[in-house]
Amino acid sequence: MRKLVLGLALVLALCILSGCKASPEATKGDYIISKEDQKILVAKNITQKDSDSKTFTELKKNNIELINYIVEDAQLYNELEIGEKVNVTPKTNDKGEYAVMQSDPPQIIAGQIERLKD
């Protein structure tokens, strides 16, 4: 009886501990979903799985925030990959302001692009 209780407690503990870890698929972030003409299209706050499987139209339909960032550094632009998780900070003037071009999706000049690991 004692071994059975100990065994069940061990199985329960393993289940609880393994359930505490967030799966990589569930981790949300900002992902590059396309590249064109020195711009990266970034979908905000989505999972890696959504970045791989959802189309632009599906993301837009689900009210996912989409932003075209203009990448001025040609070498960095060429190194960036679709599906990559990034943190983009807009380029600002001396007053800390940045311009948003009123297109759909909006366009912003990227100041700093941090490439993140999943």
PDB file of N, CA and C in Angstrom:
ATOM      1  N   MET A   1       0.825  -1.203   0.000  1.00  0.00           N
ATOM      2  CA  MET A   1       0.000   0.000   0.000  1.00  0.00           C
ATOM      3  C   MET A   1       0.864   1.259   0.000  1.00  0.00           C
ATOM      4  N   ARG A   2       1.918   1.241   0.825  1.00  0.00           N
ATOM      5  CA  ARG A   2       2.800   2.401   0.922  1.00  0.00           C
ATOM      6  C   ARG A   2       3.477   2.676  -0.425  1.00  0.00           C
ATOM      7  N   LYS A   3       3.896   1.607  -1.133  1.00  0.00           N
ATOM      8  CA  LYS A   3       4.545   1.774  -2.437  1.00  0.00           C
ATOM      9  C   LYS A   3       3.567   2.343  -3.461  1.00  0.00           C
ATOM     10  N   LEU A   4       2.319   1.923  -3.400  1.00  0.00           N
ATOM     11  CA  LEU A   4       1.302   2.421  -4.317  1.00  0.00           C
ATOM     12  C   LEU A   4       1.088   3.915  -4.105  1.00  0.00           C
ATOM     13  N   VAL A   5       0.956   4.338  -2.859  1.00  0.00           N
ATOM     14  CA  VAL A   5       0.755   5.752  -2.543  1.00  0.00           C
ATOM     15  C   VAL A   5       1.984   6.563  -2.974  1.00  0.00           C
ATOM     16  N   LEU A   6       3.172   6.032  -2.694  1.00  0.00           N
ATOM     17  CA  LEU A   6       4.403   6.713  -3.077  1.00  0.00           C
ATOM     18  C   LEU A   6       4.505   6.826  -4.597  1.00  0.00           C
ATOM     19  N   GLY A   7       4.148   5.754  -5.284  1.00  0.00           N
ATOM     20  CA  GLY A   7       4.174   5.755  -6.755  1.00  0.00           C
ATOM     21  C   GLY A   7       3.198   6.761  -7.327  1.00  0.00           C
ATOM     22  N   LEU A   8       1.981   6.809  -6.801  1.00  0.00           N
ATOM     23  CA  LEU A   8       0.982   7.768  -7.269  1.00  0.00           C
ATOM     24  C   LEU A   8       1.427   9.206  -6.985  1.00  0.00           C
ATOM     25  N   ALA A   9       2.030   9.413  -5.821  1.00  0.00           N
ATOM     26  CA  ALA A   9       2.515  10.753  -5.476  1.00  0.00           C
ATOM     27  C   ALA A   9       3.619  11.186  -6.446  1.00  0.00           C
ATOM     28  N   LEU A  10       4.497  10.253  -6.811  1.00  0.00           N
ATOM     29  CA  LEU A  10       5.573  10.557  -7.744  1.00  0.00           C
ATOM     30  C   LEU A  10       5.014  10.892  -9.127  1.00  0.00           C
ATOM     31  N   VAL A  11       4.060  10.112  -9.608  1.00  0.00           N
ATOM     32  CA  VAL A  11       3.438  10.371 -10.912  1.00  0.00           C
ATOM     33  C   VAL A  11       2.731  11.722 -10.891  1.00  0.00           C
ATOM     34  N   LEU A  12       2.009  12.009  -9.834  1.00  0.00           N
ATOM     35  CA  LEU A  12       1.306  13.285  -9.707  1.00  0.00           C
ATOM     36  C   LEU A  12       2.298  14.449  -9.703  1.00  0.00           C
ATOM     37  N   ALA A  13       3.401  14.299  -8.974  1.00  0.00           N
ATOM     38  CA  ALA A  13       4.409  15.353  -8.917  1.00  0.00           C
ATOM     39  C   ALA A  13       5.010  15.599 -10.303  1.00  0.00           C
ATOM     40  N   LEU A  14       5.296  14.546 -11.045  1.00  0.00           N
ATOM     41  CA  LEU A  14       5.842  14.702 -12.397  1.00  0.00           C
ATOM     42  C   LEU A  14       4.851  15.389 -13.320  1.00  0.00           C
ATOM     43  N   CYS A  15       3.588  15.031 -13.212  1.00  0.00           N
ATOM     44  CA  CYS A  15       2.561  15.666 -14.049  1.00  0.00           C
ATOM     45  C   CYS A  15       2.455  17.159 -13.746  1.00  0.00           C
ATOM     46  N   ILE A  16       2.477  17.491 -12.488  1.00  0.00           N
ATOM     47  CA  ILE A  16       2.370  18.898 -12.090  1.00  0.00           C
ATOM     48  C   ILE A  16       3.582  19.683 -12.572  1.00  0.00           C
ATOM     49  N   LEU A  17       4.782  19.126 -12.358  1.00  0.00           N
ATOM     50  CA  LEU A  17       6.003  19.824 -12.771  1.00  0.00           C
ATOM     51  C   LEU A  17       6.085  19.988 -14.278  1.00  0.00           C
ATOM     52  N   SER A  18       5.714  18.981 -15.024  1.00  0.00           N
ATOM     53  CA  SER A  18       5.780  19.108 -16.479  1.00  0.00           C
ATOM     54  C   SER A  18       4.715  20.070 -16.984  1.00  0.00           C
ATOM     55  N   GLY A  19       3.606  20.195 -16.305  1.00  0.00           N
ATOM     56  CA  GLY A  19       2.544  21.113 -16.702  1.00  0.00           C
ATOM     57  C   GLY A  19       2.867  22.561 -16.399  1.00  0.00           C
ATOM     58  N   CYS A  20       3.819  22.802 -15.521  1.00  0.00           N
ATOM     59  CA  CYS A  20       4.172  24.172 -15.151  1.00  0.00           C
ATOM     60  C   CYS A  20       4.971  24.872 -16.238  1.00  0.00           C
ATOM     61  N   LYS A  21       5.665  24.115 -17.053  1.00  0.00           N
ATOM     62  CA  LYS A  21       6.460  24.720 -18.114  1.00  0.00           C
ATOM     63  C   LYS A  21       5.545  25.183 -19.232  1.00  0.00           C
ATOM     64  N   ALA A  22       5.779  26.388 -19.705  1.00  0.00           N
ATOM     65  CA  ALA A  22       5.000  26.882 -20.853  1.00  0.00           C
ATOM     66  C   ALA A  22       5.591  26.261 -22.107  1.00  0.00           C
ATOM     67  N   SER A  23       4.745  25.757 -22.952  1.00  0.00           N
ATOM     68  CA  SER A  23       5.266  25.180 -24.189  1.00  0.00           C
ATOM     69  C   SER A  23       5.757  26.317 -25.069  1.00  0.00           C
ATOM     70  N   PRO A  24       6.792  26.065 -25.889  1.00  0.00           N
ATOM     71  CA  PRO A  24       7.322  27.133 -26.741  1.00  0.00           C
ATOM     72  C   PRO A  24       6.260  27.680 -27.684  1.00  0.00           C
ATOM     73  N   GLU A  25       5.304  26.844 -28.061  1.00  0.00           N
ATOM     74  CA  GLU A  25       4.257  27.278 -28.980  1.00  0.00           C
ATOM     75  C   GLU A  25       3.344  28.310 -28.323  1.00  0.00           C
ATOM     76  N   ALA A  26       3.209  28.229 -27.000  1.00  0.00           N
ATOM     77  CA  ALA A  26       2.283  29.118 -26.314  1.00  0.00           C
ATOM     78  C   ALA A  26       2.912  30.486 -26.012  1.00  0.00           C
ATOM     79  N   THR A  27       4.228  30.594 -26.121  1.00  0.00           N
ATOM     80  CA  THR A  27       4.905  31.850 -25.837  1.00  0.00           C
ATOM     81  C   THR A  27       4.607  32.849 -26.941  1.00  0.00           C
ATOM     82  N   LYS A  28       4.074  33.990 -26.541  1.00  0.00           N
ATOM     83  CA  LYS A  28       3.728  35.005 -27.536  1.00  0.00           C
ATOM     84  C   LYS A  28       4.832  36.030 -27.679  1.00  0.00           C
ATOM     85  N   GLY A  29       4.862  36.652 -28.834  1.00  0.00           N
ATOM     86  CA  GLY A  29       5.849  37.686 -29.111  1.00  0.00           C
ATOM     87  C   GLY A  29       5.520  38.352 -30.431  1.00  0.00           C
ATOM     88  N   ASP A  30       6.469  39.129 -30.921  1.00  0.00           N
ATOM     89  CA  ASP A  30       6.314  39.829 -32.194  1.00  0.00           C
ATOM     90  C   ASP A  30       7.155  39.100 -33.240  1.00  0.00           C
ATOM     91  N   TYR A  31       6.505  38.654 -34.304  1.00  0.00           N
ATOM     92  CA  TYR A  31       7.172  37.825 -35.319  1.00  0.00           C
ATOM     93  C   TYR A  31       7.120  38.475 -36.693  1.00  0.00           C
ATOM     94  N   ILE A  32       8.215  38.312 -37.449  1.00  0.00           N
ATOM     95  CA  ILE A  32       8.266  38.775 -38.835  1.00  0.00           C
ATOM     96  C   ILE A  32       7.450  37.786 -39.664  1.00  0.00           C
ATOM     97  N   ILE A  33       6.429  38.290 -40.362  1.00  0.00           N
ATOM     98  CA  ILE A  33       5.615  37.389 -41.179  1.00  0.00           C
ATOM     99  C   ILE A  33       5.847  37.579 -42.673  1.00  0.00           C
ATOM    100  N   SER A  34       6.516  38.678 -43.063  1.00  0.00           N
ATOM    101  CA  SER A  34       6.912  38.836 -44.466  1.00  0.00           C
ATOM    102  C   SER A  34       7.975  39.927 -44.573  1.00  0.00           C
ATOM    103  N   LYS A  35       8.673  39.910 -45.714  1.00  0.00           N
ATOM    104  CA  LYS A  35       9.715  40.903 -46.017  1.00  0.00           C
ATOM    105  C   LYS A  35       9.540  41.327 -47.463  1.00  0.00           C
ATOM    106  N   GLU A  36       9.669  42.639 -47.692  1.00  0.00           N
ATOM    107  CA  GLU A  36       9.580  43.142 -49.063  1.00  0.00           C
ATOM    108  C   GLU A  36      10.013  44.600 -49.099  1.00  0.00           C
ATOM    109  N   ASP A  37      10.789  44.950 -50.106  1.00  0.00           N
ATOM    110  CA  ASP A  37      11.196  46.344 -50.343  1.00  0.00           C
ATOM    111  C   ASP A  37      11.767  47.027 -49.102  1.00  0.00           C
ATOM    112  N   GLN A  38      12.719  46.380 -48.445  1.00  0.00           N
ATOM    113  CA  GLN A  38      13.400  46.945 -47.285  1.00  0.00           C
ATOM    114  C   GLN A  38      12.466  47.134 -46.081  1.00  0.00           C
ATOM    115  N   LYS A  39      11.330  46.418 -46.081  1.00  0.00           N
ATOM    116  CA  LYS A  39      10.373  46.480 -44.967  1.00  0.00           C
ATOM    117  C   LYS A  39      10.132  45.077 -44.427  1.00  0.00           C
ATOM    118  N   ILE A  40       9.944  45.012 -43.109  1.00  0.00           N
ATOM    119  CA  ILE A  40       9.521  43.752 -42.482  1.00  0.00           C
ATOM    120  C   ILE A  40       8.122  43.965 -41.926  1.00  0.00           C
ATOM    121  N   LEU A  41       7.245  43.021 -42.193  1.00  0.00           N
ATOM    122  CA  LEU A  41       5.893  43.076 -41.637  1.00  0.00           C
ATOM    123  C   LEU A  41       5.896  42.258 -40.361  1.00  0.00           C
ATOM    124  N   VAL A  42       5.594  42.920 -39.247  1.00  0.00           N
ATOM    125  CA  VAL A  42       5.638  42.286 -37.934  1.00  0.00           C
ATOM    126  C   VAL A  42       4.222  42.161 -37.383  1.00  0.00           C
ATOM    127  N   ALA A  43       3.888  40.940 -36.958  1.00  0.00           N
ATOM    128  CA  ALA A  43       2.619  40.680 -36.271  1.00  0.00           C
ATOM    129  C   ALA A  43       2.912  40.698 -34.777  1.00  0.00           C
ATOM    130  N   LYS A  44       2.163  41.497 -34.040  1.00  0.00           N
ATOM    131  CA  LYS A  44       2.409  41.694 -32.612  1.00  0.00           C
ATOM    132  C   LYS A  44       1.648  40.672 -31.768  1.00  0.00           C
ATOM    133  N   ASN A  45       2.337  40.188 -30.731  1.00  0.00           N
ATOM    134  CA  ASN A  45       1.726  39.363 -29.691  1.00  0.00           C
ATOM    135  C   ASN A  45       1.022  38.113 -30.240  1.00  0.00           C
ATOM    136  N   ILE A  46       1.747  37.338 -31.027  1.00  0.00           N
ATOM    137  CA  ILE A  46       1.217  36.069 -31.531  1.00  0.00           C
ATOM    138  C   ILE A  46       2.180  34.952 -31.158  1.00  0.00           C
ATOM    139  N   THR A  47       1.764  33.707 -31.351  1.00  0.00           N
ATOM    140  CA  THR A  47       2.637  32.570 -31.075  1.00  0.00           C
ATOM    141  C   THR A  47       3.479  32.249 -32.305  1.00  0.00           C
ATOM    142  N   GLN A  48       4.541  31.497 -32.093  1.00  0.00           N
ATOM    143  CA  GLN A  48       5.391  31.049 -33.202  1.00  0.00           C
ATOM    144  C   GLN A  48       4.549  30.232 -34.181  1.00  0.00           C
ATOM    145  N   LYS A  49       3.673  29.404 -33.655  1.00  0.00           N
ATOM    146  CA  LYS A  49       2.817  28.566 -34.502  1.00  0.00           C
ATOM    147  C   LYS A  49       1.941  29.444 -35.409  1.00  0.00           C
ATOM    148  N   ASP A  50       1.346  30.499 -34.845  1.00  0.00           N
ATOM    149  CA  ASP A  50       0.513  31.407 -35.646  1.00  0.00           C
ATOM    150  C   ASP A  50       1.344  32.118 -36.712  1.00  0.00           C
ATOM    151  N   SER A  51       2.590  32.469 -36.375  1.00  0.00           N
ATOM    152  CA  SER A  51       3.430  33.159 -37.355  1.00  0.00           C
ATOM    153  C   SER A  51       3.747  32.252 -38.539  1.00  0.00           C
ATOM    154  N   ASP A  52       3.819  30.952 -38.282  1.00  0.00           N
ATOM    155  CA  ASP A  52       4.122  29.985 -39.341  1.00  0.00           C
ATOM    156  C   ASP A  52       2.888  29.597 -40.155  1.00  0.00           C
ATOM    157  N   SER A  53       1.732  29.570 -39.498  1.00  0.00           N
ATOM    158  CA  SER A  53       0.559  28.968 -40.151  1.00  0.00           C
ATOM    159  C   SER A  53      -0.514  29.956 -40.615  1.00  0.00           C
ATOM    160  N   LYS A  54      -0.599  31.117 -40.004  1.00  0.00           N
ATOM    161  CA  LYS A  54      -1.675  32.060 -40.349  1.00  0.00           C
ATOM    162  C   LYS A  54      -1.261  32.985 -41.489  1.00  0.00           C
ATOM    163  N   THR A  55      -2.212  33.287 -42.342  1.00  0.00           N
ATOM    164  CA  THR A  55      -1.955  34.217 -43.441  1.00  0.00           C
ATOM    165  C   THR A  55      -2.161  35.653 -42.949  1.00  0.00           C
ATOM    166  N   PHE A  56      -1.691  36.591 -43.747  1.00  0.00           N
ATOM    167  CA  PHE A  56      -1.895  38.014 -43.455  1.00  0.00           C
ATOM    168  C   PHE A  56      -3.384  38.288 -43.249  1.00  0.00           C
ATOM    169  N   THR A  57      -4.216  37.757 -44.141  1.00  0.00           N
ATOM    170  CA  THR A  57      -5.659  37.983 -44.076  1.00  0.00           C
ATOM    171  C   THR A  57      -6.250  37.425 -42.783  1.00  0.00           C
ATOM    172  N   GLU A  58      -5.817  36.227 -42.380  1.00  0.00           N
ATOM    173  CA  GLU A  58      -6.329  35.627 -41.136  1.00  0.00           C
ATOM    174  C   GLU A  58      -5.922  36.451 -39.919  1.00  0.00           C
ATOM    175  N   LEU A  59      -4.675  36.916 -39.901  1.00  0.00           N
ATOM    176  CA  LEU A  59      -4.206  37.728 -38.778  1.00  0.00           C
ATOM    177  C   LEU A  59      -4.986  39.040 -38.704  1.00  0.00           C
ATOM    178  N   LYS A  60      -5.168  39.673 -39.858  1.00  0.00           N
ATOM    179  CA  LYS A  60      -5.921  40.932 -39.914  1.00  0.00           C
ATOM    180  C   LYS A  60      -7.367  40.723 -39.446  1.00  0.00           C
ATOM    181  N   LYS A  61      -7.970  39.631 -39.911  1.00  0.00           N
ATOM    182  CA  LYS A  61      -9.357  39.312 -39.545  1.00  0.00           C
ATOM    183  C   LYS A  61      -9.500  39.102 -38.032  1.00  0.00           C
ATOM    184  N   ASN A  62      -8.432  38.577 -37.397  1.00  0.00           N
ATOM    185  CA  ASN A  62      -8.438  38.338 -35.953  1.00  0.00           C
ATOM    186  C   ASN A  62      -7.955  39.542 -35.152  1.00  0.00           C
ATOM    187  N   ASN A  63      -7.896  40.701 -35.812  1.00  0.00           N
ATOM    188  CA  ASN A  63      -7.498  41.961 -35.169  1.00  0.00           C
ATOM    189  C   ASN A  63      -6.113  41.919 -34.527  1.00  0.00           C
ATOM    190  N   ILE A  64      -5.192  41.177 -35.154  1.00  0.00           N
ATOM    191  CA  ILE A  64      -3.803  41.167 -34.703  1.00  0.00           C
ATOM    192  C   ILE A  64      -3.149  42.450 -35.212  1.00  0.00           C
ATOM    193  N   GLU A  65      -2.408  43.131 -34.337  1.00  0.00           N
ATOM    194  CA  GLU A  65      -1.733  44.369 -34.738  1.00  0.00           C
ATOM    195  C   GLU A  65      -0.596  44.033 -35.693  1.00  0.00           C
ATOM    196  N   LEU A  66      -0.609  44.637 -36.859  1.00  0.00           N
ATOM    197  CA  LEU A  66       0.406  44.428 -37.891  1.00  0.00           C
ATOM    198  C   LEU A  66       1.072  45.761 -38.196  1.00  0.00           C
ATOM    199  N   ILE A  67       2.411  45.755 -38.245  1.00  0.00           N
ATOM    200  CA  ILE A  67       3.155  46.987 -38.533  1.00  0.00           C
ATOM    201  C   ILE A  67       4.264  46.675 -39.533  1.00  0.00           C
ATOM    202  N   ASN A  68       4.365  47.518 -40.544  1.00  0.00           N
ATOM    203  CA  ASN A  68       5.479  47.461 -41.492  1.00  0.00           C
ATOM    204  C   ASN A  68       6.591  48.332 -40.942  1.00  0.00           C
ATOM    205  N   TYR A  69       7.733  47.734 -40.639  1.00  0.00           N
ATOM    206  CA  TYR A  69       8.884  48.503 -40.186  1.00  0.00           C
ATOM    207  C   TYR A  69       9.850  48.660 -41.352  1.00  0.00           C
ATOM    208  N   ILE A  70      10.243  49.892 -41.630  1.00  0.00           N
ATOM    209  CA  ILE A  70      11.215  50.174 -42.671  1.00  0.00           C
ATOM    210  C   ILE A  70      12.599  49.993 -42.044  1.00  0.00           C
ATOM    211  N   VAL A  71      13.381  49.085 -42.628  1.00  0.00           N
ATOM    212  CA  VAL A  71      14.718  48.773 -42.101  1.00  0.00           C
ATOM    213  C   VAL A  71      15.749  49.512 -42.950  1.00  0.00           C
ATOM    214  N   GLU A  72      16.398  50.511 -42.358  1.00  0.00           N
ATOM    215  CA  GLU A  72      17.354  51.327 -43.106  1.00  0.00           C
ATOM    216  C   GLU A  72      18.694  50.626 -43.308  1.00  0.00           C
ATOM    217  N   ASP A  73      19.051  49.708 -42.421  1.00  0.00           N
ATOM    218  CA  ASP A  73      20.311  48.969 -42.514  1.00  0.00           C
ATOM    219  C   ASP A  73      20.124  47.779 -43.461  1.00  0.00           C
ATOM    220  N   ALA A  74      20.685  47.894 -44.682  1.00  0.00           N
ATOM    221  CA  ALA A  74      20.493  46.861 -45.713  1.00  0.00           C
ATOM    222  C   ALA A  74      21.044  45.503 -45.282  1.00  0.00           C
ATOM    223  N   GLN A  75      22.173  45.498 -44.602  1.00  0.00           N
ATOM    224  CA  GLN A  75      22.759  44.224 -44.158  1.00  0.00           C
ATOM    225  C   GLN A  75      21.853  43.541 -43.146  1.00  0.00           C
ATOM    226  N   LEU A  76      21.355  44.307 -42.173  1.00  0.00           N
ATOM    227  CA  LEU A  76      20.444  43.741 -41.175  1.00  0.00           C
ATOM    228  C   LEU A  76      19.177  43.237 -41.851  1.00  0.00           C
ATOM    229  N   TYR A  77      18.636  44.013 -42.776  1.00  0.00           N
ATOM    230  CA  TYR A  77      17.429  43.595 -43.495  1.00  0.00           C
ATOM    231  C   TYR A  77      17.648  42.231 -44.166  1.00  0.00           C
ATOM    232  N   ASN A  78      18.796  42.072 -44.803  1.00  0.00           N
ATOM    233  CA  ASN A  78      19.090  40.810 -45.488  1.00  0.00           C
ATOM    234  C   ASN A  78      19.260  39.645 -44.518  1.00  0.00           C
ATOM    235  N   GLU A  79      19.717  39.922 -43.296  1.00  0.00           N
ATOM    236  CA  GLU A  79      19.921  38.869 -42.297  1.00  0.00           C
ATOM    237  C   GLU A  79      18.620  38.442 -41.611  1.00  0.00           C
ATOM    238  N   LEU A  80      17.664  39.345 -41.508  1.00  0.00           N
ATOM    239  CA  LEU A  80      16.399  39.028 -40.845  1.00  0.00           C
ATOM    240  C   LEU A  80      15.640  37.972 -41.636  1.00  0.00           C
ATOM    241  N   GLU A  81      14.966  37.076 -40.905  1.00  0.00           N
ATOM    242  CA  GLU A  81      14.248  35.989 -41.561  1.00  0.00           C
ATOM    243  C   GLU A  81      12.770  35.993 -41.182  1.00  0.00           C
ATOM    244  N   ILE A  82      11.954  35.571 -42.130  1.00  0.00           N
ATOM    245  CA  ILE A  82      10.526  35.406 -41.859  1.00  0.00           C
ATOM    246  C   ILE A  82      10.393  34.326 -40.790  1.00  0.00           C
ATOM    247  N   GLY A  83       9.514  34.576 -39.815  1.00  0.00           N
ATOM    248  CA  GLY A  83       9.318  33.648 -38.702  1.00  0.00           C
ATOM    249  C   GLY A  83      10.185  33.961 -37.502  1.00  0.00           C
ATOM    250  N   GLU A  84      11.080  34.942 -37.633  1.00  0.00           N
ATOM    251  CA  GLU A  84      11.970  35.318 -36.537  1.00  0.00           C
ATOM    252  C   GLU A  84      11.233  36.193 -35.530  1.00  0.00           C
ATOM    253  N   LYS A  85      11.509  35.937 -34.257  1.00  0.00           N
ATOM    254  CA  LYS A  85      10.921  36.726 -33.172  1.00  0.00           C
ATOM    255  C   LYS A  85      11.794  37.954 -32.956  1.00  0.00           C
ATOM    256  N   VAL A  86      11.171  39.130 -32.920  1.00  0.00           N
ATOM    257  CA  VAL A  86      11.921  40.387 -32.810  1.00  0.00           C
ATOM    258  C   VAL A  86      11.256  41.343 -31.821  1.00  0.00           C
ATOM    259  N   ASN A  87      12.040  42.300 -31.393  1.00  0.00           N
ATOM    260  CA  ASN A  87      11.526  43.420 -30.613  1.00  0.00           C
ATOM    261  C   ASN A  87      12.018  44.673 -31.341  1.00  0.00           C
ATOM    262  N   VAL A  88      11.095  45.421 -31.918  1.00  0.00           N
ATOM    263  CA  VAL A  88      11.469  46.578 -32.735  1.00  0.00           C
ATOM    264  C   VAL A  88      11.127  47.864 -31.988  1.00  0.00           C
ATOM    265  N   THR A  89      12.116  48.749 -31.915  1.00  0.00           N
ATOM    266  CA  THR A  89      11.929  50.069 -31.330  1.00  0.00           C
ATOM    267  C   THR A  89      11.942  51.080 -32.475  1.00  0.00           C
ATOM    268  N   PRO A  90      10.910  51.915 -32.577  1.00  0.00           N
ATOM    269  CA  PRO A  90      10.873  52.904 -33.665  1.00  0.00           C
ATOM    270  C   PRO A  90      12.015  53.914 -33.568  1.00  0.00           C
ATOM    271  N   LYS A  91      12.416  54.432 -34.717  1.00  0.00           N
ATOM    272  CA  LYS A  91      13.415  55.501 -34.778  1.00  0.00           C
ATOM    273  C   LYS A  91      12.733  56.791 -34.330  1.00  0.00           C
ATOM    274  N   THR A  92      13.364  57.501 -33.387  1.00  0.00           N
ATOM    275  CA  THR A  92      12.754  58.714 -32.839  1.00  0.00           C
ATOM    276  C   THR A  92      13.619  59.938 -33.127  1.00  0.00           C
ATOM    277  N   ASN A  93      12.990  61.105 -33.029  1.00  0.00           N
ATOM    278  CA  ASN A  93      13.726  62.370 -33.155  1.00  0.00           C
ATOM    279  C   ASN A  93      14.232  62.793 -31.772  1.00  0.00           C
ATOM    280  N   ASP A  94      14.792  64.018 -31.671  1.00  0.00           N
ATOM    281  CA  ASP A  94      15.344  64.496 -30.385  1.00  0.00           C
ATOM    282  C   ASP A  94      14.295  64.579 -29.286  1.00  0.00           C
ATOM    283  N   LYS A  95      13.035  64.715 -29.657  1.00  0.00           N
ATOM    284  CA  LYS A  95      11.963  64.827 -28.659  1.00  0.00           C
ATOM    285  C   LYS A  95      11.387  63.460 -28.275  1.00  0.00           C
ATOM    286  N   GLY A  96      11.940  62.385 -28.838  1.00  0.00           N
ATOM    287  CA  GLY A  96      11.442  61.045 -28.529  1.00  0.00           C
ATOM    288  C   GLY A  96      10.199  60.680 -29.319  1.00  0.00           C
ATOM    289  N   GLU A  97       9.918  61.435 -30.372  1.00  0.00           N
ATOM    290  CA  GLU A  97       8.732  61.184 -31.185  1.00  0.00           C
ATOM    291  C   GLU A  97       9.116  60.381 -32.419  1.00  0.00           C
ATOM    292  N   TYR A  98       8.157  59.615 -32.923  1.00  0.00           N
ATOM    293  CA  TYR A  98       8.390  58.902 -34.177  1.00  0.00           C
ATOM    294  C   TYR A  98       7.181  59.062 -35.083  1.00  0.00           C
ATOM    295  N   ALA A  99       7.442  58.954 -36.389  1.00  0.00           N
ATOM    296  CA  ALA A  99       6.374  59.143 -37.378  1.00  0.00           C
ATOM    297  C   ALA A  99       5.737  57.805 -37.734  1.00  0.00           C
ATOM    298  N   VAL A 100       4.412  57.830 -37.836  1.00  0.00           N
ATOM    299  CA  VAL A 100       3.662  56.664 -38.275  1.00  0.00           C
ATOM    300  C   VAL A 100       2.979  57.042 -39.583  1.00  0.00           C
ATOM    301  N   MET A 101       3.347  56.354 -40.648  1.00  0.00           N
ATOM    302  CA  MET A 101       2.714  56.616 -41.940  1.00  0.00           C
ATOM    303  C   MET A 101       1.366  55.921 -41.964  1.00  0.00           C
ATOM    304  N   GLN A 102       0.339  56.663 -42.263  1.00  0.00           N
ATOM    305  CA  GLN A 102      -1.040  56.176 -42.187  1.00  0.00           C
ATOM    306  C   GLN A 102      -1.401  55.286 -43.375  1.00  0.00           C
ATOM    307  N   SER A 103      -0.743  54.152 -43.455  1.00  0.00           N
ATOM    308  CA  SER A 103      -1.083  53.170 -44.478  1.00  0.00           C
ATOM    309  C   SER A 103      -1.719  51.982 -43.759  1.00  0.00           C
ATOM    310  N   ASP A 104      -2.086  50.970 -44.490  1.00  0.00           N
ATOM    311  CA  ASP A 104      -2.682  49.792 -43.861  1.00  0.00           C
ATOM    312  C   ASP A 104      -1.929  48.559 -44.324  1.00  0.00           C
ATOM    313  N   PRO A 105      -1.111  47.965 -43.472  1.00  0.00           N
ATOM    314  CA  PRO A 105      -0.798  48.330 -42.091  1.00  0.00           C
ATOM    315  C   PRO A 105       0.105  49.571 -42.028  1.00  0.00           C
ATOM    316  N   PRO A 106       0.131  50.221 -40.859  1.00  0.00           N
ATOM    317  CA  PRO A 106       0.941  51.426 -40.708  1.00  0.00           C
ATOM    318  C   PRO A 106       2.425  51.119 -40.919  1.00  0.00           C
ATOM    319  N   GLN A 107       3.178  52.143 -41.324  1.00  0.00           N
ATOM    320  CA  GLN A 107       4.613  52.005 -41.537  1.00  0.00           C
ATOM    321  C   GLN A 107       5.361  52.911 -40.571  1.00  0.00           C
ATOM    322  N   ILE A 108       6.417  52.352 -39.991  1.00  0.00           N
ATOM    323  CA  ILE A 108       7.243  53.086 -39.034  1.00  0.00           C
ATOM    324  C   ILE A 108       8.700  52.778 -39.364  1.00  0.00           C
ATOM    325  N   ILE A 109       9.560  53.769 -39.294  1.00  0.00           N
ATOM    326  CA  ILE A 109      10.992  53.523 -39.510  1.00  0.00           C
ATOM    327  C   ILE A 109      11.545  52.858 -38.249  1.00  0.00           C
ATOM    328  N   ALA A 110      12.202  51.710 -38.440  1.00  0.00           N
ATOM    329  CA  ALA A 110      12.768  50.974 -37.311  1.00  0.00           C
ATOM    330  C   ALA A 110      14.037  51.656 -36.827  1.00  0.00           C
ATOM    331  N   GLY A 111      14.129  51.846 -35.519  1.00  0.00           N
ATOM    332  CA  GLY A 111      15.339  52.396 -34.927  1.00  0.00           C
ATOM    333  C   GLY A 111      16.280  51.273 -34.542  1.00  0.00           C
ATOM    334  N   GLN A 112      15.807  50.402 -33.689  1.00  0.00           N
ATOM    335  CA  GLN A 112      16.608  49.268 -33.232  1.00  0.00           C
ATOM    336  C   GLN A 112      15.768  48.006 -33.383  1.00  0.00           C
ATOM    337  N   ILE A 113      16.400  46.944 -33.879  1.00  0.00           N
ATOM    338  CA  ILE A 113      15.729  45.654 -34.010  1.00  0.00           C
ATOM    339  C   ILE A 113      16.517  44.639 -33.193  1.00  0.00           C
ATOM    340  N   GLU A 114      15.870  44.142 -32.153  1.00  0.00           N
ATOM    341  CA  GLU A 114      16.482  43.128 -31.296  1.00  0.00           C
ATOM    342  C   GLU A 114      15.956  41.768 -31.748  1.00  0.00           C
ATOM    343  N   ARG A 115      16.869  40.871 -32.097  1.00  0.00           N
ATOM    344  CA  ARG A 115      16.498  39.535 -32.522  1.00  0.00           C
ATOM    345  C   ARG A 115      16.440  38.651 -31.288  1.00  0.00           C
ATOM    346  N   LEU A 116      15.280  38.036 -31.055  1.00  0.00           N
ATOM    347  CA  LEU A 116      15.054  37.263 -29.846  1.00  0.00           C
ATOM    348  C   LEU A 116      15.061  35.764 -30.131  1.00  0.00           C
ATOM    349  N   LYS A 117      15.469  35.002 -29.146  1.00  0.00           N
ATOM    350  CA  LYS A 117      15.419  33.544 -29.244  1.00  0.00           C
ATOM    351  C   LYS A 117      14.115  33.076 -28.619  1.00  0.00           C
ATOM    352  N   ASP A 118      13.537  32.040 -29.185  1.00  0.00           N
ATOM    353  CA  ASP A 118      12.294  31.484 -28.607  1.00  0.00           C
ATOM    354  C   ASP A 118      12.578  30.714 -27.355  1.00  0.00           C
TER     355      ASP A 118
END
